[in-house]
Amino acid sequence: VGADISRRNRNHYEDGYRVEHVCRVVEEYVSEQVVTGYDVTYEYAGETYTSHMETDPGRKLRVRVNVTPVQV
């Protein structure tokens, strides 16, 4: 088998053909958009507020209300 392969390779070269392995470096850059957070605008008691949240708050947003007395 080895001699047969050797003969085939020799004939292959004698016919003017040559086997070459060509390697090249390919650099590929990928651009992608990634969600890093959510800027949420909501209204409470007639005022508009904006907050940045790391996760999607969904359709409803729970808020904490702090009440302080007004001094007259």
PDB file of N, CA and C in Angstrom:
ATOM      1  N   VAL A   1       0.828  -1.181   0.000  1.00  0.00           N
ATOM      2  CA  VAL A   1       0.000   0.000   0.000  1.00  0.00           C
ATOM      3  C   VAL A   1       0.877   1.251   0.000  1.00  0.00           C
ATOM      4  N   GLY A   2       1.925   1.274   0.857  1.00  0.00           N
ATOM      5  CA  GLY A   2       2.800   2.441   0.917  1.00  0.00           C
ATOM      6  C   GLY A   2       3.495   2.698  -0.413  1.00  0.00           C
ATOM      7  N   ALA A   3       3.945   1.639  -1.061  1.00  0.00           N
ATOM      8  CA  ALA A   3       4.638   1.800  -2.356  1.00  0.00           C
ATOM      9  C   ALA A   3       3.667   2.340  -3.394  1.00  0.00           C
ATOM     10  N   ASP A   4       2.418   1.889  -3.327  1.00  0.00           N
ATOM     11  CA  ASP A   4       1.407   2.344  -4.283  1.00  0.00           C
ATOM     12  C   ASP A   4       1.149   3.845  -4.112  1.00  0.00           C
ATOM     13  N   ILE A   5       1.038   4.274  -2.858  1.00  0.00           N
ATOM     14  CA  ILE A   5       0.814   5.696  -2.584  1.00  0.00           C
ATOM     15  C   ILE A   5       2.011   6.510  -3.045  1.00  0.00           C
ATOM     16  N   SER A   6       3.208   5.986  -2.809  1.00  0.00           N
ATOM     17  CA  SER A   6       4.426   6.673  -3.216  1.00  0.00           C
ATOM     18  C   SER A   6       4.462   6.845  -4.733  1.00  0.00           C
ATOM     19  N   ARG A   7       4.092   5.765  -5.456  1.00  0.00           N
ATOM     20  CA  ARG A   7       4.068   5.838  -6.920  1.00  0.00           C
ATOM     21  C   ARG A   7       3.047   6.864  -7.392  1.00  0.00           C
ATOM     22  N   ARG A   8       1.861   6.893  -6.740  1.00  0.00           N
ATOM     23  CA  ARG A   8       0.822   7.854  -7.127  1.00  0.00           C
ATOM     24  C   ARG A   8       1.307   9.282  -6.900  1.00  0.00           C
ATOM     25  N   ASN A   9       1.970   9.521  -5.771  1.00  0.00           N
ATOM     26  CA  ASN A   9       2.487  10.859  -5.505  1.00  0.00           C
ATOM     27  C   ASN A   9       3.561  11.254  -6.511  1.00  0.00           C
ATOM     28  N   ARG A  10       4.424  10.301  -6.864  1.00  0.00           N
ATOM     29  CA  ARG A  10       5.478  10.589  -7.822  1.00  0.00           C
ATOM     30  C   ARG A  10       4.867  10.933  -9.174  1.00  0.00           C
ATOM     31  N   ASN A  11       3.884  10.143  -9.613  1.00  0.00           N
ATOM     32  CA  ASN A  11       3.213  10.422 -10.881  1.00  0.00           C
ATOM     33  C   ASN A  11       2.481  11.764 -10.805  1.00  0.00           C
ATOM     34  N   HIS A  12       1.931  12.035  -9.672  1.00  0.00           N
ATOM     35  CA  HIS A  12       1.200  13.291  -9.481  1.00  0.00           C
ATOM     36  C   HIS A  12       2.124  14.480  -9.711  1.00  0.00           C
ATOM     37  N   TYR A  13       3.351  14.414  -9.178  1.00  0.00           N
ATOM     38  CA  TYR A  13       4.304  15.500  -9.364  1.00  0.00           C
ATOM     39  C   TYR A  13       4.833  15.534 -10.789  1.00  0.00           C
ATOM     40  N   GLU A  14       4.979  14.372 -11.407  1.00  0.00           N
ATOM     41  CA  GLU A  14       5.488  14.327 -12.771  1.00  0.00           C
ATOM     42  C   GLU A  14       4.506  14.939 -13.750  1.00  0.00           C
ATOM     43  N   ASP A  15       3.213  14.937 -13.392  1.00  0.00           N
ATOM     44  CA  ASP A  15       2.200  15.521 -14.268  1.00  0.00           C
ATOM     45  C   ASP A  15       2.171  17.045 -14.145  1.00  0.00           C
ATOM     46  N   GLY A  16       3.036  17.614 -13.328  1.00  0.00           N
ATOM     47  CA  GLY A  16       3.089  19.059 -13.186  1.00  0.00           C
ATOM     48  C   GLY A  16       2.202  19.590 -12.079  1.00  0.00           C
ATOM     49  N   TYR A  17       1.629  18.708 -11.283  1.00  0.00           N
ATOM     50  CA  TYR A  17       0.780  19.137 -10.174  1.00  0.00           C
ATOM     51  C   TYR A  17       1.558  19.081  -8.883  1.00  0.00           C
ATOM     52  N   ARG A  18       1.205  19.922  -7.988  1.00  0.00           N
ATOM     53  CA  ARG A  18       1.865  19.945  -6.690  1.00  0.00           C
ATOM     54  C   ARG A  18       0.797  20.246  -5.628  1.00  0.00           C
ATOM     55  N   VAL A  19       0.885  19.565  -4.502  1.00  0.00           N
ATOM     56  CA  VAL A  19      -0.055  19.795  -3.405  1.00  0.00           C
ATOM     57  C   VAL A  19       0.535  20.828  -2.468  1.00  0.00           C
ATOM     58  N   GLU A  20      -0.208  21.891  -2.186  1.00  0.00           N
ATOM     59  CA  GLU A  20       0.229  22.917  -1.247  1.00  0.00           C
ATOM     60  C   GLU A  20      -0.851  23.135  -0.210  1.00  0.00           C
ATOM     61  N   HIS A  21      -0.409  23.364   1.013  1.00  0.00           N
ATOM     62  CA  HIS A  21      -1.323  23.751   2.083  1.00  0.00           C
ATOM     63  C   HIS A  21      -1.048  25.207   2.389  1.00  0.00           C
ATOM     64  N   VAL A  22      -2.048  26.030   2.215  1.00  0.00           N
ATOM     65  CA  VAL A  22      -1.889  27.463   2.448  1.00  0.00           C
ATOM     66  C   VAL A  22      -2.759  27.841   3.635  1.00  0.00           C
ATOM     67  N   CYS A  23      -2.145  28.435   4.648  1.00  0.00           N
ATOM     68  CA  CYS A  23      -2.868  28.871   5.833  1.00  0.00           C
ATOM     69  C   CYS A  23      -2.749  30.386   5.920  1.00  0.00           C
ATOM     70  N   ARG A  24      -3.808  31.010   6.392  1.00  0.00           N
ATOM     71  CA  ARG A  24      -3.757  32.447   6.597  1.00  0.00           C
ATOM     72  C   ARG A  24      -4.562  32.792   7.843  1.00  0.00           C
ATOM     73  N   VAL A  25      -4.208  33.874   8.453  1.00  0.00           N
ATOM     74  CA  VAL A  25      -4.889  34.347   9.647  1.00  0.00           C
ATOM     75  C   VAL A  25      -6.070  35.205   9.207  1.00  0.00           C
ATOM     76  N   VAL A  26      -7.229  34.921   9.758  1.00  0.00           N
ATOM     77  CA  VAL A  26      -8.421  35.694   9.447  1.00  0.00           C
ATOM     78  C   VAL A  26      -8.892  36.353  10.735  1.00  0.00           C
ATOM     79  N   GLU A  27      -8.957  37.678  10.718  1.00  0.00           N
ATOM     80  CA  GLU A  27      -9.453  38.404  11.877  1.00  0.00           C
ATOM     81  C   GLU A  27     -10.889  38.812  11.598  1.00  0.00           C
ATOM     82  N   GLU A  28     -11.755  38.516  12.544  1.00  0.00           N
ATOM     83  CA  GLU A  28     -13.167  38.830  12.370  1.00  0.00           C
ATOM     84  C   GLU A  28     -13.637  39.639  13.563  1.00  0.00           C
ATOM     85  N   TYR A  29     -14.213  40.778  13.291  1.00  0.00           N
ATOM     86  CA  TYR A  29     -14.728  41.635  14.344  1.00  0.00           C
ATOM     87  C   TYR A  29     -16.247  41.641  14.259  1.00  0.00           C
ATOM     88  N   VAL A  30     -16.890  41.454  15.400  1.00  0.00           N
ATOM     89  CA  VAL A  30     -18.341  41.405  15.442  1.00  0.00           C
ATOM     90  C   VAL A  30     -18.837  42.549  16.310  1.00  0.00           C
ATOM     91  N   SER A  31     -19.789  43.285  15.789  1.00  0.00           N
ATOM     92  CA  SER A  31     -20.391  44.374  16.548  1.00  0.00           C
ATOM     93  C   SER A  31     -21.782  43.917  16.978  1.00  0.00           C
ATOM     94  N   GLU A  32     -22.073  44.089  18.249  1.00  0.00           N
ATOM     95  CA  GLU A  32     -23.389  43.686  18.720  1.00  0.00           C
ATOM     96  C   GLU A  32     -23.907  44.678  19.736  1.00  0.00           C
ATOM     97  N   GLN A  33     -25.211  44.760  19.815  1.00  0.00           N
ATOM     98  CA  GLN A  33     -25.837  45.636  20.787  1.00  0.00           C
ATOM     99  C   GLN A  33     -26.264  44.807  21.984  1.00  0.00           C
ATOM    100  N   VAL A  34     -25.958  45.310  23.169  1.00  0.00           N
ATOM    101  CA  VAL A  34     -26.274  44.600  24.398  1.00  0.00           C
ATOM    102  C   VAL A  34     -27.038  45.548  25.313  1.00  0.00           C
ATOM    103  N   VAL A  35     -28.127  45.063  25.888  1.00  0.00           N
ATOM    104  CA  VAL A  35     -28.898  45.868  26.827  1.00  0.00           C
ATOM    105  C   VAL A  35     -28.153  45.894  28.151  1.00  0.00           C
ATOM    106  N   THR A  36     -27.824  47.103  28.623  1.00  0.00           N
ATOM    107  CA  THR A  36     -27.108  47.231  29.891  1.00  0.00           C
ATOM    108  C   THR A  36     -28.000  47.763  30.995  1.00  0.00           C
ATOM    109  N   GLY A  37     -29.220  48.127  30.657  1.00  0.00           N
ATOM    110  CA  GLY A  37     -30.144  48.632  31.666  1.00  0.00           C
ATOM    111  C   GLY A  37     -31.330  49.296  31.001  1.00  0.00           C
ATOM    112  N   TYR A  38     -32.215  49.818  31.829  1.00  0.00           N
ATOM    113  CA  TYR A  38     -33.436  50.447  31.352  1.00  0.00           C
ATOM    114  C   TYR A  38     -33.584  51.815  32.000  1.00  0.00           C
ATOM    115  N   ASP A  39     -33.788  52.842  31.184  1.00  0.00           N
ATOM    116  CA  ASP A  39     -34.124  54.161  31.703  1.00  0.00           C
ATOM    117  C   ASP A  39     -35.645  54.230  31.742  1.00  0.00           C
ATOM    118  N   VAL A  40     -36.186  54.291  32.948  1.00  0.00           N
ATOM    119  CA  VAL A  40     -37.630  54.210  33.163  1.00  0.00           C
ATOM    120  C   VAL A  40     -38.145  55.582  33.581  1.00  0.00           C
ATOM    121  N   THR A  41     -39.158  56.059  32.878  1.00  0.00           N
ATOM    122  CA  THR A  41     -39.809  57.317  33.232  1.00  0.00           C
ATOM    123  C   THR A  41     -41.214  56.981  33.732  1.00  0.00           C
ATOM    124  N   TYR A  42     -41.547  57.517  34.893  1.00  0.00           N
ATOM    125  CA  TYR A  42     -42.865  57.249  35.467  1.00  0.00           C
ATOM    126  C   TYR A  42     -43.402  58.511  36.107  1.00  0.00           C
ATOM    127  N   GLU A  43     -44.699  58.501  36.335  1.00  0.00           N
ATOM    128  CA  GLU A  43     -45.354  59.656  36.926  1.00  0.00           C
ATOM    129  C   GLU A  43     -45.990  59.241  38.250  1.00  0.00           C
ATOM    130  N   TYR A  44     -45.797  60.085  39.266  1.00  0.00           N
ATOM    131  CA  TYR A  44     -46.392  59.839  40.579  1.00  0.00           C
ATOM    132  C   TYR A  44     -46.818  61.178  41.162  1.00  0.00           C
ATOM    133  N   ALA A  45     -48.053  61.246  41.587  1.00  0.00           N
ATOM    134  CA  ALA A  45     -48.622  62.439  42.227  1.00  0.00           C
ATOM    135  C   ALA A  45     -48.395  63.702  41.392  1.00  0.00           C
ATOM    136  N   GLY A  46     -48.585  63.564  40.071  1.00  0.00           N
ATOM    137  CA  GLY A  46     -48.459  64.714  39.187  1.00  0.00           C
ATOM    138  C   GLY A  46     -47.034  65.083  38.816  1.00  0.00           C
ATOM    139  N   GLU A  47     -46.049  64.405  39.341  1.00  0.00           N
ATOM    140  CA  GLU A  47     -44.638  64.668  39.020  1.00  0.00           C
ATOM    141  C   GLU A  47     -44.089  63.542  38.149  1.00  0.00           C
ATOM    142  N   THR A  48     -43.139  63.881  37.266  1.00  0.00           N
ATOM    143  CA  THR A  48     -42.507  62.891  36.394  1.00  0.00           C
ATOM    144  C   THR A  48     -41.105  62.607  36.922  1.00  0.00           C
ATOM    145  N   TYR A  49     -40.755  61.329  37.015  1.00  0.00           N
ATOM    146  CA  TYR A  49     -39.455  60.881  37.535  1.00  0.00           C
ATOM    147  C   TYR A  49     -38.809  59.945  36.511  1.00  0.00           C
ATOM    148  N   THR A  50     -37.497  59.894  36.529  1.00  0.00           N
ATOM    149  CA  THR A  50     -36.749  58.971  35.674  1.00  0.00           C
ATOM    150  C   THR A  50     -35.729  58.235  36.533  1.00  0.00           C
ATOM    151  N   SER A  51     -35.660  56.937  36.354  1.00  0.00           N
ATOM    152  CA  SER A  51     -34.698  56.104  37.088  1.00  0.00           C
ATOM    153  C   SER A  51     -34.037  55.139  36.113  1.00  0.00           C
ATOM    154  N   HIS A  52     -32.806  54.768  36.411  1.00  0.00           N
ATOM    155  CA  HIS A  52     -32.110  53.743  35.633  1.00  0.00           C
ATOM    156  C   HIS A  52     -32.198  52.431  36.412  1.00  0.00           C
ATOM    157  N   MET A  53     -32.650  51.373  35.736  1.00  0.00           N
ATOM    158  CA  MET A  53     -32.806  50.071  36.391  1.00  0.00           C
ATOM    159  C   MET A  53     -32.019  49.022  35.613  1.00  0.00           C
ATOM    160  N   GLU A  54     -31.428  48.067  36.327  1.00  0.00           N
ATOM    161  CA  GLU A  54     -30.645  47.015  35.681  1.00  0.00           C
ATOM    162  C   GLU A  54     -31.522  45.968  35.016  1.00  0.00           C
ATOM    163  N   THR A  55     -32.733  45.762  35.536  1.00  0.00           N
ATOM    164  CA  THR A  55     -33.634  44.749  34.982  1.00  0.00           C
ATOM    165  C   THR A  55     -34.902  45.415  34.459  1.00  0.00           C
ATOM    166  N   ASP A  56     -35.579  44.731  33.565  1.00  0.00           N
ATOM    167  CA  ASP A  56     -36.824  45.230  32.989  1.00  0.00           C
ATOM    168  C   ASP A  56     -37.886  45.287  34.085  1.00  0.00           C
ATOM    169  N   PRO A  57     -38.445  46.472  34.382  1.00  0.00           N
ATOM    170  CA  PRO A  57     -39.418  46.573  35.463  1.00  0.00           C
ATOM    171  C   PRO A  57     -40.802  46.049  35.084  1.00  0.00           C
ATOM    172  N   GLY A  58     -41.033  45.809  33.819  1.00  0.00           N
ATOM    173  CA  GLY A  58     -42.354  45.346  33.386  1.00  0.00           C
ATOM    174  C   GLY A  58     -43.307  46.517  33.230  1.00  0.00           C
ATOM    175  N   ARG A  59     -44.599  46.210  33.196  1.00  0.00           N
ATOM    176  CA  ARG A  59     -45.604  47.252  32.962  1.00  0.00           C
ATOM    177  C   ARG A  59     -45.914  48.057  34.212  1.00  0.00           C
ATOM    178  N   LYS A  60     -45.661  47.516  35.385  1.00  0.00           N
ATOM    179  CA  LYS A  60     -45.938  48.220  36.636  1.00  0.00           C
ATOM    180  C   LYS A  60     -44.643  48.389  37.415  1.00  0.00           C
ATOM    181  N   LEU A  61     -44.579  49.483  38.193  1.00  0.00           N
ATOM    182  CA  LEU A  61     -43.372  49.784  38.937  1.00  0.00           C
ATOM    183  C   LEU A  61     -43.752  50.125  40.371  1.00  0.00           C
ATOM    184  N   ARG A  62     -43.188  49.407  41.310  1.00  0.00           N
ATOM    185  CA  ARG A  62     -43.423  49.724  42.722  1.00  0.00           C
ATOM    186  C   ARG A  62     -42.496  50.849  43.126  1.00  0.00           C
ATOM    187  N   VAL A  63     -43.035  51.823  43.853  1.00  0.00           N
ATOM    188  CA  VAL A  63     -42.225  52.960  44.312  1.00  0.00           C
ATOM    189  C   VAL A  63     -42.327  53.091  45.802  1.00  0.00           C
ATOM    190  N   ARG A  64     -41.275  53.606  46.405  1.00  0.00           N
ATOM    191  CA  ARG A  64     -41.273  53.894  47.834  1.00  0.00           C
ATOM    192  C   ARG A  64     -41.509  55.386  47.979  1.00  0.00           C
ATOM    193  N   VAL A  65     -42.464  55.749  48.825  1.00  0.00           N
ATOM    194  CA  VAL A  65     -42.811  57.152  49.041  1.00  0.00           C
ATOM    195  C   VAL A  65     -42.392  57.558  50.441  1.00  0.00           C
ATOM    196  N   ASN A  66     -41.610  58.625  50.525  1.00  0.00           N
ATOM    197  CA  ASN A  66     -41.197  59.186  51.814  1.00  0.00           C
ATOM    198  C   ASN A  66     -41.989  60.490  52.038  1.00  0.00           C
ATOM    199  N   VAL A  67     -42.592  60.581  53.185  1.00  0.00           N
ATOM    200  CA  VAL A  67     -43.390  61.780  53.492  1.00  0.00           C
ATOM    201  C   VAL A  67     -42.651  62.546  54.583  1.00  0.00           C
ATOM    202  N   THR A  68     -42.473  63.840  54.350  1.00  0.00           N
ATOM    203  CA  THR A  68     -41.855  64.703  55.371  1.00  0.00           C
ATOM    204  C   THR A  68     -42.793  65.884  55.616  1.00  0.00           C
ATOM    205  N   PRO A  69     -42.880  66.315  56.841  1.00  0.00           N
ATOM    206  CA  PRO A  69     -43.793  67.442  57.125  1.00  0.00           C
ATOM    207  C   PRO A  69     -43.229  68.754  56.581  1.00  0.00           C
ATOM    208  N   VAL A  70     -44.135  69.602  56.194  1.00  0.00           N
ATOM    209  CA  VAL A  70     -43.754  70.921  55.682  1.00  0.00           C
ATOM    210  C   VAL A  70     -43.868  71.895  56.846  1.00  0.00           C
ATOM    211  N   GLN A  71     -42.813  72.619  57.075  1.00  0.00           N
ATOM    212  CA  GLN A  71     -42.858  73.622  58.144  1.00  0.00           C
ATOM    213  C   GLN A  71     -43.281  74.960  57.536  1.00  0.00           C
ATOM    214  N   VAL A  72     -44.238  75.549  58.166  1.00  0.00           N
ATOM    215  CA  VAL A  72     -44.780  76.813  57.653  1.00  0.00           C
ATOM    216  C   VAL A  72     -44.216  77.972  58.444  1.00  0.00           C
TER     217      VAL A  72
END
